[in-house]
């Protein structure tokens, strides 16, 4: 089970600062997005959200490895 840190509205959707998902090792970031949408349908209501892997924005093709630090970064509005 991997722990994923959540910021902003992602934290509200997850119900706290972290969420956990099983069997992510070896899967792509795109597959992680799909798993998030299945487990937490409210993520589908966001215009977009980024996923960071080991403190860098991750592309959908990247593979998740054991020990990776994963973070969900929701869209940010500014003014």
C-alpha atoms as a PDB file:
ATOM      1  CA  UNK A   1       0.000   0.000   0.000  1.00  0.00           C
ATOM      2  CA  UNK A   2       1.364   3.410  -0.965  1.00  0.00           C
ATOM      3  CA  UNK A   3       0.611   6.635   0.846  1.00  0.00           C
ATOM      4  CA  UNK A   4      -0.093   9.644  -1.385  1.00  0.00           C
ATOM      5  CA  UNK A   5       0.071  13.176  -0.016  1.00  0.00           C
ATOM      6  CA  UNK A   6      -2.772  15.540  -0.935  1.00  0.00           C
ATOM      7  CA  UNK A   7      -2.874  19.346  -1.101  1.00  0.00           C
ATOM      8  CA  UNK A   8      -5.696  21.868  -1.456  1.00  0.00           C
ATOM      9  CA  UNK A   9      -9.002  20.510  -2.692  1.00  0.00           C
ATOM     10  CA  UNK A  10      -7.381  17.078  -3.156  1.00  0.00           C
ATOM     11  CA  UNK A  11      -7.052  16.975   0.627  1.00  0.00           C
ATOM     12  CA  UNK A  12     -10.788  17.673   0.941  1.00  0.00           C
ATOM     13  CA  UNK A  13     -11.621  14.914  -1.546  1.00  0.00           C
ATOM     14  CA  UNK A  14      -9.380  12.410   0.237  1.00  0.00           C
ATOM     15  CA  UNK A  15     -10.727  13.380   3.657  1.00  0.00           C
ATOM     16  CA  UNK A  16      -7.276  14.207   4.994  1.00  0.00           C
ATOM     17  CA  UNK A  17      -3.673  14.983   4.083  1.00  0.00           C
ATOM     18  CA  UNK A  18      -2.988  11.458   2.806  1.00  0.00           C
ATOM     19  CA  UNK A  19      -4.751   8.648   0.989  1.00  0.00           C
ATOM     20  CA  UNK A  20      -3.560   5.089   0.410  1.00  0.00           C
ATOM     21  CA  UNK A  21      -3.897   2.849  -2.623  1.00  0.00           C
ATOM     22  CA  UNK A  22      -2.817  -0.754  -3.163  1.00  0.00           C
ATOM     23  CA  UNK A  23      -0.765  -2.269  -5.954  1.00  0.00           C
ATOM     24  CA  UNK A  24       0.719   0.863  -7.498  1.00  0.00           C
ATOM     25  CA  UNK A  25       4.288  -0.407  -7.911  1.00  0.00           C
ATOM     26  CA  UNK A  26       5.054  -0.955 -11.587  1.00  0.00           C
ATOM     27  CA  UNK A  27       1.965   0.912 -12.749  1.00  0.00           C
ATOM     28  CA  UNK A  28       2.118   4.131 -14.745  1.00  0.00           C
ATOM     29  CA  UNK A  29       1.097   7.547 -13.491  1.00  0.00           C
ATOM     30  CA  UNK A  30      -1.814   7.369 -15.975  1.00  0.00           C
ATOM     31  CA  UNK A  31      -2.956   4.151 -14.257  1.00  0.00           C
ATOM     32  CA  UNK A  32      -2.659   5.918 -10.898  1.00  0.00           C
ATOM     33  CA  UNK A  33      -4.977   8.650 -12.211  1.00  0.00           C
ATOM     34  CA  UNK A  34      -7.525   5.996 -13.216  1.00  0.00           C
ATOM     35  CA  UNK A  35      -7.270   4.326  -9.792  1.00  0.00           C
ATOM     36  CA  UNK A  36      -7.807   7.698  -8.098  1.00  0.00           C
ATOM     37  CA  UNK A  37     -10.890   8.399 -10.224  1.00  0.00           C
ATOM     38  CA  UNK A  38     -12.333   4.987  -9.352  1.00  0.00           C
ATOM     39  CA  UNK A  39     -11.650   5.253  -5.627  1.00  0.00           C
ATOM     40  CA  UNK A  40     -12.458   8.975  -5.354  1.00  0.00           C
ATOM     41  CA  UNK A  41     -14.904   9.994  -8.146  1.00  0.00           C
ATOM     42  CA  UNK A  42     -14.797  13.641  -7.011  1.00  0.00           C
ATOM     43  CA  UNK A  43     -11.347  13.923  -8.634  1.00  0.00           C
ATOM     44  CA  UNK A  44     -13.223  13.760 -11.933  1.00  0.00           C
ATOM     45  CA  UNK A  45     -14.907  17.059 -11.081  1.00  0.00           C
ATOM     46  CA  UNK A  46     -11.567  18.900 -11.070  1.00  0.00           C
ATOM     47  CA  UNK A  47     -10.523  20.667 -14.265  1.00  0.00           C
ATOM     48  CA  UNK A  48      -7.162  18.956 -13.881  1.00  0.00           C
ATOM     49  CA  UNK A  49      -4.728  17.758 -11.263  1.00  0.00           C
ATOM     50  CA  UNK A  50      -1.029  17.048 -11.390  1.00  0.00           C
ATOM     51  CA  UNK A  51       0.842  14.193  -9.818  1.00  0.00           C
ATOM     52  CA  UNK A  52       4.356  14.677  -8.523  1.00  0.00           C
ATOM     53  CA  UNK A  53       6.733  11.763  -8.098  1.00  0.00           C
ATOM     54  CA  UNK A  54       9.791  12.290  -5.919  1.00  0.00           C
ATOM     55  CA  UNK A  55       9.354  16.085  -5.859  1.00  0.00           C
ATOM     56  CA  UNK A  56       9.012  16.508  -9.651  1.00  0.00           C
ATOM     57  CA  UNK A  57       5.933  16.689 -11.841  1.00  0.00           C
ATOM     58  CA  UNK A  58       5.366  13.236 -13.313  1.00  0.00           C
ATOM     59  CA  UNK A  59       4.398  12.410 -16.892  1.00  0.00           C
ATOM     60  CA  UNK A  60       1.643   9.862 -17.480  1.00  0.00           C
ATOM     61  CA  UNK A  61       4.173   7.363 -18.875  1.00  0.00           C
ATOM     62  CA  UNK A  62       6.385   7.252 -15.772  1.00  0.00           C
ATOM     63  CA  UNK A  63       6.339   4.031 -13.761  1.00  0.00           C
ATOM     64  CA  UNK A  64       5.770   4.084 -10.015  1.00  0.00           C
ATOM     65  CA  UNK A  65       8.381   2.305  -7.936  1.00  0.00           C
ATOM     66  CA  UNK A  66       8.384   1.133  -4.341  1.00  0.00           C
ATOM     67  CA  UNK A  67       9.498   3.963  -2.094  1.00  0.00           C
ATOM     68  CA  UNK A  68       8.368   6.745  -4.424  1.00  0.00           C
ATOM     69  CA  UNK A  69       6.976   9.870  -2.806  1.00  0.00           C
ATOM     70  CA  UNK A  70       3.677  10.683  -4.542  1.00  0.00           C
ATOM     71  CA  UNK A  71       1.753  13.946  -4.252  1.00  0.00           C
ATOM     72  CA  UNK A  72      -1.546  15.078  -5.796  1.00  0.00           C
ATOM     73  CA  UNK A  73      -1.460  18.747  -6.759  1.00  0.00           C
ATOM     74  CA  UNK A  74      -4.855  20.243  -7.635  1.00  0.00           C
ATOM     75  CA  UNK A  75      -5.295  23.211  -9.968  1.00  0.00           C
ATOM     76  CA  UNK A  76      -4.289  26.501  -8.382  1.00  0.00           C
ATOM     77  CA  UNK A  77      -6.211  29.714  -8.893  1.00  0.00           C
ATOM     78  CA  UNK A  78      -4.499  32.998  -8.369  1.00  0.00           C
ATOM     79  CA  UNK A  79      -5.146  36.639  -8.700  1.00  0.00           C
END
